[in-house]
Amino acid sequence: MESLSDKLKKLSVYLNEVTILKELSHPNIVELQKALSCREDLDLVSEPHSSDLVSALPRLTSSDVIRYFTQTVSALITYLHQRRIVHDDVKPQNVLIHQSGEMARLCDFGFARRLPEN
């Protein structure tokens, strides 16, 4: 059974992710469609994706991987930093490949944080 402390941490990460995703609008960031909670379960609903980048790697060519990371993820990090947001968990598992295979989208903003204004 989860301790109260663990439940509060889980809720904090969930609320952080919902708050940040609601503020963002970019074609390469997952679009939050719904945030659901039912008893102990907290779920986020977005559009369907066929896989993450790790699962897709065996069928991707080197140029595909380079394109996904250099163009998509670099542009996303720039977009986020312009809004003073640090994702803090960019990794292949958090890059979802759209069903068409034509688009990558960054997900998992639970550990993202907003930088203070200077």
Protein backbone atom coordinates (compact mmCIF):
# COMPACT_ATOMS: atom_id res chain seq x y z
CA MET A 1 0.00 0.00 0.00
CA GLU A 2 1.26 3.48 -0.91
CA SER A 3 2.16 5.80 1.94
CA LEU A 4 0.48 9.19 2.24
CA SER A 5 3.80 10.81 1.31
CA ASP A 6 4.03 8.74 -1.90
CA LYS A 7 0.42 9.58 -2.80
CA LEU A 8 1.08 13.29 -2.32
CA LYS A 9 4.22 13.12 -4.49
CA LYS A 10 2.27 11.31 -7.22
CA LEU A 11 -0.50 13.90 -7.05
CA SER A 12 2.02 16.75 -7.17
CA VAL A 13 3.71 15.34 -10.31
CA TYR A 14 0.29 14.78 -11.93
CA LEU A 15 -0.94 18.31 -11.18
CA ASN A 16 2.35 19.80 -12.35
CA GLU A 17 2.08 17.95 -15.66
CA VAL A 18 -1.55 19.00 -16.18
CA THR A 19 -0.78 22.65 -15.36
CA ILE A 20 2.18 22.87 -17.73
CA LEU A 21 0.55 20.97 -20.60
CA LYS A 22 -2.50 23.25 -20.44
CA GLU A 23 -0.21 26.25 -21.03
CA LEU A 24 1.60 24.78 -24.04
CA SER A 25 0.52 24.63 -27.64
CA HIS A 26 3.01 23.18 -30.10
CA PRO A 27 2.55 20.57 -32.84
CA ASN A 28 5.36 18.47 -31.34
CA ILE A 29 4.09 18.41 -27.76
CA VAL A 30 1.36 15.96 -26.82
CA GLU A 31 -1.99 17.67 -26.57
CA LEU A 32 -3.71 17.03 -23.28
CA GLN A 33 -7.29 16.09 -24.07
CA LYS A 34 -8.43 15.07 -20.59
CA ALA A 35 -7.09 14.72 -17.07
CA LEU A 36 -8.92 12.01 -15.16
CA SER A 37 -8.88 10.82 -11.60
CA CYS A 38 -10.79 7.86 -10.27
CA ARG A 39 -10.09 6.83 -6.69
CA GLU A 40 -6.33 6.22 -6.63
CA ASP A 41 -5.75 6.37 -10.40
CA LEU A 42 -4.59 9.54 -12.13
CA ASP A 43 -4.56 9.44 -15.92
CA LEU A 44 -3.84 11.83 -18.78
CA VAL A 45 -5.50 11.32 -22.14
CA SER A 46 -3.90 12.47 -25.39
CA GLU A 47 -4.20 11.54 -29.05
CA PRO A 48 -3.03 8.00 -29.92
CA HIS A 49 0.59 7.31 -30.85
CA SER A 50 1.92 4.07 -32.23
CA SER A 51 5.14 3.94 -30.19
CA ASP A 52 7.86 5.81 -28.43
CA LEU A 53 11.22 6.46 -30.04
CA VAL A 54 12.89 3.53 -28.22
CA SER A 55 10.34 1.06 -29.60
CA ALA A 56 10.56 2.63 -33.05
CA LEU A 57 14.38 2.58 -33.25
CA PRO A 58 14.69 -0.88 -34.85
CA ARG A 59 12.64 0.22 -37.86
CA LEU A 60 14.05 3.74 -38.20
CA THR A 61 17.06 4.66 -40.29
CA SER A 62 19.87 6.79 -38.95
CA SER A 63 18.58 9.80 -40.85
CA ASP A 64 15.13 9.32 -39.27
CA VAL A 65 16.60 9.31 -35.77
CA ILE A 66 18.72 12.35 -36.54
CA ARG A 67 15.69 14.17 -37.95
CA TYR A 68 13.50 13.37 -34.93
CA PHE A 69 16.10 14.53 -32.45
CA THR A 70 17.85 17.38 -34.16
CA GLN A 71 14.84 19.10 -35.68
CA THR A 72 11.92 18.16 -33.49
CA VAL A 73 13.45 17.94 -30.04
CA SER A 74 15.79 20.91 -30.57
CA ALA A 75 12.86 23.06 -31.69
CA LEU A 76 10.84 21.89 -28.71
CA ILE A 77 13.54 22.67 -26.20
CA THR A 78 13.88 26.14 -27.70
CA TYR A 79 10.08 26.60 -27.52
CA LEU A 80 10.03 25.49 -23.89
CA HIS A 81 13.01 27.60 -22.85
CA GLN A 82 11.44 30.69 -24.44
CA ARG A 83 8.57 30.07 -22.01
CA ARG A 84 11.03 29.50 -19.14
CA ILE A 85 10.09 25.81 -18.86
CA VAL A 86 12.65 23.03 -18.38
CA HIS A 87 11.32 19.56 -19.27
CA ASP A 88 13.89 17.77 -17.07
CA ASP A 89 13.22 14.30 -18.52
CA VAL A 90 13.96 14.40 -22.27
CA LYS A 91 14.79 10.85 -23.37
CA PRO A 92 13.76 8.56 -26.23
CA GLN A 93 10.97 6.99 -24.13
CA ASN A 94 9.35 10.43 -23.84
CA VAL A 95 9.36 11.10 -27.58
CA LEU A 96 6.20 9.55 -29.01
CA ILE A 97 5.96 8.68 -32.69
CA HIS A 98 2.60 9.53 -34.26
CA GLN A 99 0.74 6.68 -35.96
CA SER A 100 1.64 8.11 -39.38
CA GLY A 101 5.33 7.89 -38.49
CA GLU A 102 5.69 11.46 -39.75
CA MET A 103 5.69 13.29 -36.44
CA ALA A 104 7.36 13.04 -33.07
CA ARG A 105 5.80 14.52 -29.94
CA LEU A 106 7.34 15.15 -26.56
CA CYS A 107 5.43 13.85 -23.54
CA ASP A 108 5.83 13.32 -19.78
CA PHE A 109 5.99 16.80 -18.30
CA GLY A 110 5.61 15.55 -14.72
CA PHE A 111 9.10 16.70 -13.71
CA ALA A 112 9.05 19.86 -15.82
CA ARG A 113 9.58 23.09 -13.96
CA ARG A 114 9.21 26.76 -14.62
CA LEU A 115 12.30 28.91 -14.16
CA PRO A 116 11.91 32.10 -12.14
CA GLU A 117 11.98 35.46 -13.88
CA ASN A 118 15.28 37.32 -13.47
